[in-house]
Amino acid sequence: MAYKISEDCISCGTCAAECPVEAISEGASQYEINADACVSCGNCANVCPVGAPAEE
């Protein structure tokens, strides 16, 4: 199951740097995860300082 970034995102970019498949990109107001590319590794959730990424 793919991860999704909640509105808690502070746009720090830490999650994008840790994504092994480059599924995370900067959106208009916060970072976003491409669900089709996400491999559900959890790296983004493990490094996020506010816990924004979570499994859908």
N, C-alpha and C. Protein backbone atom coordinates (compact mmCIF):
# COMPACT_ATOMS: atom_id res chain seq x y z
N MET A 1 0.85 -1.18 0.00
CA MET A 1 0.00 0.00 0.00
C MET A 1 0.89 1.24 0.00
N ALA A 2 0.61 2.17 -0.85
CA ALA A 2 1.43 3.38 -1.01
C ALA A 2 1.27 4.32 0.18
N TYR A 3 2.28 5.14 0.36
CA TYR A 3 2.24 6.17 1.39
C TYR A 3 1.62 7.44 0.82
N LYS A 4 1.08 8.28 1.70
CA LYS A 4 0.50 9.57 1.33
C LYS A 4 0.98 10.59 2.35
N ILE A 5 1.21 11.81 1.92
CA ILE A 5 1.67 12.85 2.82
C ILE A 5 0.49 13.70 3.26
N SER A 6 0.34 13.85 4.57
CA SER A 6 -0.79 14.60 5.12
C SER A 6 -0.53 16.10 5.10
N GLU A 7 -1.54 16.86 5.49
CA GLU A 7 -1.44 18.31 5.55
C GLU A 7 -0.46 18.78 6.62
N ASP A 8 0.04 17.87 7.44
CA ASP A 8 1.02 18.22 8.47
C ASP A 8 2.38 18.54 7.88
N CYS A 9 2.57 18.26 6.59
CA CYS A 9 3.84 18.46 5.89
C CYS A 9 4.32 19.90 6.04
N ILE A 10 5.60 20.06 6.39
CA ILE A 10 6.20 21.39 6.53
C ILE A 10 7.13 21.71 5.35
N SER A 11 7.09 20.90 4.32
CA SER A 11 7.87 21.09 3.09
C SER A 11 9.37 21.22 3.33
N CYS A 12 9.91 20.38 4.19
CA CYS A 12 11.34 20.44 4.49
C CYS A 12 12.17 19.66 3.46
N GLY A 13 11.54 18.69 2.77
CA GLY A 13 12.24 17.92 1.75
C GLY A 13 13.01 16.72 2.24
N THR A 14 13.01 16.48 3.53
CA THR A 14 13.74 15.35 4.09
C THR A 14 13.25 14.03 3.50
N CYS A 15 11.97 13.88 3.33
CA CYS A 15 11.40 12.64 2.81
C CYS A 15 11.84 12.37 1.39
N ALA A 16 11.84 13.40 0.56
CA ALA A 16 12.21 13.24 -0.85
C ALA A 16 13.65 12.76 -0.99
N ALA A 17 14.52 13.25 -0.14
CA ALA A 17 15.93 12.86 -0.19
C ALA A 17 16.13 11.39 0.17
N GLU A 18 15.22 10.81 0.94
CA GLU A 18 15.35 9.43 1.40
C GLU A 18 14.61 8.42 0.53
N CYS A 19 13.83 8.87 -0.43
CA CYS A 19 13.03 7.96 -1.25
C CYS A 19 13.92 7.26 -2.28
N PRO A 20 14.02 5.92 -2.23
CA PRO A 20 14.90 5.19 -3.15
C PRO A 20 14.39 5.13 -4.60
N VAL A 21 13.11 5.43 -4.81
CA VAL A 21 12.56 5.36 -6.16
C VAL A 21 12.12 6.73 -6.68
N GLU A 22 12.49 7.78 -5.98
CA GLU A 22 12.18 9.16 -6.36
C GLU A 22 10.69 9.37 -6.61
N ALA A 23 9.86 8.82 -5.73
CA ALA A 23 8.40 8.94 -5.86
C ALA A 23 7.86 10.20 -5.20
N ILE A 24 8.71 10.96 -4.53
CA ILE A 24 8.27 12.14 -3.80
C ILE A 24 8.77 13.40 -4.51
N SER A 25 7.83 14.34 -4.70
CA SER A 25 8.18 15.60 -5.35
C SER A 25 7.49 16.76 -4.64
N GLU A 26 8.02 17.95 -4.87
CA GLU A 26 7.45 19.14 -4.25
C GLU A 26 6.19 19.54 -5.01
N GLY A 27 5.08 19.62 -4.30
CA GLY A 27 3.82 20.03 -4.90
C GLY A 27 3.60 21.52 -4.69
N ALA A 28 2.42 22.00 -4.98
CA ALA A 28 2.10 23.42 -4.87
C ALA A 28 2.17 23.92 -3.43
N SER A 29 1.67 23.13 -2.49
CA SER A 29 1.66 23.59 -1.10
C SER A 29 2.42 22.67 -0.15
N GLN A 30 2.75 21.46 -0.60
CA GLN A 30 3.48 20.50 0.23
C GLN A 30 4.06 19.42 -0.67
N TYR A 31 4.86 18.54 -0.11
CA TYR A 31 5.41 17.44 -0.90
C TYR A 31 4.32 16.41 -1.17
N GLU A 32 4.47 15.69 -2.28
CA GLU A 32 3.48 14.70 -2.69
C GLU A 32 4.17 13.40 -3.07
N ILE A 33 3.47 12.28 -2.89
CA ILE A 33 4.00 10.97 -3.25
C ILE A 33 3.23 10.42 -4.44
N ASN A 34 3.95 9.99 -5.46
CA ASN A 34 3.35 9.34 -6.61
C ASN A 34 3.03 7.90 -6.19
N ALA A 35 1.76 7.62 -6.00
CA ALA A 35 1.33 6.30 -5.51
C ALA A 35 1.73 5.17 -6.44
N ASP A 36 1.81 5.44 -7.73
CA ASP A 36 2.18 4.40 -8.69
C ASP A 36 3.66 4.04 -8.59
N ALA A 37 4.48 4.97 -8.15
CA ALA A 37 5.92 4.73 -8.03
C ALA A 37 6.33 4.27 -6.63
N CYS A 38 5.54 4.59 -5.63
CA CYS A 38 5.86 4.26 -4.23
C CYS A 38 5.96 2.75 -4.03
N VAL A 39 7.04 2.31 -3.37
CA VAL A 39 7.25 0.89 -3.08
C VAL A 39 6.97 0.56 -1.61
N SER A 40 6.40 1.50 -0.88
CA SER A 40 6.00 1.32 0.52
C SER A 40 7.15 0.89 1.43
N CYS A 41 8.32 1.44 1.20
CA CYS A 41 9.48 1.07 2.01
C CYS A 41 9.45 1.72 3.40
N GLY A 42 8.78 2.86 3.53
CA GLY A 42 8.68 3.53 4.82
C GLY A 42 9.81 4.49 5.14
N ASN A 43 10.78 4.63 4.24
CA ASN A 43 11.90 5.55 4.51
C ASN A 43 11.41 6.96 4.78
N CYS A 44 10.43 7.42 4.02
CA CYS A 44 9.92 8.78 4.18
C CYS A 44 9.32 8.98 5.57
N ALA A 45 8.53 8.03 6.01
CA ALA A 45 7.89 8.12 7.33
C ALA A 45 8.92 8.07 8.45
N ASN A 46 9.98 7.30 8.24
CA ASN A 46 11.01 7.16 9.28
C ASN A 46 11.82 8.42 9.51
N VAL A 47 11.95 9.28 8.49
CA VAL A 47 12.78 10.47 8.64
C VAL A 47 11.98 11.77 8.79
N CYS A 48 10.71 11.74 8.57
CA CYS A 48 9.89 12.96 8.63
C CYS A 48 9.83 13.49 10.06
N PRO A 49 10.18 14.77 10.27
CA PRO A 49 10.17 15.32 11.62
C PRO A 49 8.77 15.57 12.18
N VAL A 50 7.74 15.58 11.32
CA VAL A 50 6.38 15.82 11.80
C VAL A 50 5.44 14.65 11.56
N GLY A 51 5.96 13.54 11.03
CA GLY A 51 5.14 12.35 10.81
C GLY A 51 4.09 12.50 9.73
N ALA A 52 4.37 13.31 8.72
CA ALA A 52 3.38 13.54 7.67
C ALA A 52 3.12 12.34 6.76
N PRO A 53 4.14 11.59 6.33
CA PRO A 53 3.86 10.44 5.46
C PRO A 53 3.28 9.25 6.27
N ALA A 54 2.23 8.66 5.71
CA ALA A 54 1.63 7.49 6.34
C ALA A 54 1.04 6.60 5.27
N GLU A 55 0.90 5.33 5.57
CA GLU A 55 0.28 4.40 4.61
C GLU A 55 -1.19 4.76 4.44
N GLU A 56 -1.64 4.68 3.19
CA GLU A 56 -3.06 4.99 2.91
C GLU A 56 -3.94 3.88 3.41
